[in-house]
Amino acid sequence: MSTASTSRKCPLCGKPPSSEHNPFCSQGCRDRDLLNWLGDNYRVPGPPADEGLGEFGGDGLDSER
């Protein structure tokens, strides 16, 4: 193992990563990271996505009825 890989730490708790759950130290940190993604905790600030719908209606259809 190189020194670069041993200096890396779990991105959530800072413990050394395990080879089974790399780059995380455990299944718990891996699951917590997934929940952060699913819960929008890693979202990038910006205007709401529905602003400026342009020619498309709010229903997502691209043709008029």
Protein backbone atom coordinates (compact mmCIF):
# COMPACT_ATOMS: atom_id res chain seq x y z
CA MET A 1 0.00 0.00 0.00
CA SER A 2 1.35 3.43 -0.89
CA THR A 3 1.54 6.37 1.49
CA ALA A 4 -1.07 8.25 -0.56
CA SER A 5 -3.69 5.57 0.09
CA THR A 6 -2.83 5.28 3.79
CA SER A 7 -3.15 9.05 4.28
CA ARG A 8 -6.72 9.04 2.95
CA LYS A 9 -9.52 9.05 5.46
CA CYS A 10 -13.21 8.26 5.46
CA PRO A 11 -14.92 11.36 4.01
CA LEU A 12 -17.60 11.26 6.74
CA CYS A 13 -15.86 10.42 10.00
CA GLY A 14 -12.12 10.66 9.27
CA LYS A 15 -11.23 7.08 10.22
CA PRO A 16 -8.97 4.99 7.96
CA PRO A 17 -10.93 3.43 5.07
CA SER A 18 -11.54 -0.31 4.92
CA SER A 19 -10.78 -2.20 1.73
CA GLU A 20 -14.30 -3.65 1.75
CA HIS A 21 -16.06 -0.24 1.95
CA ASN A 22 -13.48 2.02 0.28
CA PRO A 23 -13.40 5.06 0.47
CA PHE A 24 -15.49 4.71 3.63
CA CYS A 25 -14.48 3.03 6.87
CA SER A 26 -17.67 1.01 7.33
CA GLN A 27 -21.04 0.12 5.87
CA GLY A 28 -22.57 2.66 8.26
CA CYS A 29 -20.64 5.58 6.75
CA ARG A 30 -21.33 4.27 3.25
CA ASP A 31 -25.08 4.15 4.01
CA ARG A 32 -25.02 7.60 5.63
CA ASP A 33 -23.39 9.02 2.49
CA LEU A 34 -26.10 7.46 0.32
CA LEU A 35 -28.79 8.97 2.56
CA ASN A 36 -27.09 12.37 2.22
CA TRP A 37 -27.35 12.07 -1.58
CA LEU A 38 -30.96 10.89 -1.47
CA GLY A 39 -31.91 13.61 1.01
CA ASP A 40 -30.44 16.42 -1.13
CA ASN A 41 -27.77 17.25 1.48
CA TYR A 42 -25.21 17.58 -1.31
CA ARG A 43 -27.29 19.90 -3.47
CA VAL A 44 -25.69 22.88 -5.18
CA PRO A 45 -27.35 26.23 -4.45
CA GLY A 46 -29.09 27.84 -7.39
CA PRO A 47 -32.44 28.85 -8.77
CA PRO A 48 -35.26 26.28 -8.62
CA ALA A 49 -35.27 23.91 -11.57
CA ASP A 50 -38.84 24.79 -12.53
CA GLU A 51 -38.06 28.45 -13.22
CA GLY A 52 -38.20 29.35 -16.90
CA LEU A 53 -40.05 26.32 -18.19
CA GLY A 54 -40.02 28.01 -21.57
CA GLU A 55 -42.30 26.44 -24.16
CA PHE A 56 -43.05 23.39 -22.02
CA GLY A 57 -45.93 23.44 -19.57
CA GLY A 58 -45.75 22.59 -15.92
CA ASP A 59 -47.00 19.09 -16.67
CA GLY A 60 -43.81 18.17 -18.53
CA LEU A 61 -45.54 17.56 -21.85
CA ASP A 62 -43.99 19.04 -24.99
CA SER A 63 -47.19 19.43 -27.00
CA GLU A 64 -50.44 21.27 -26.51
CA ARG A 65 -53.64 19.35 -25.88
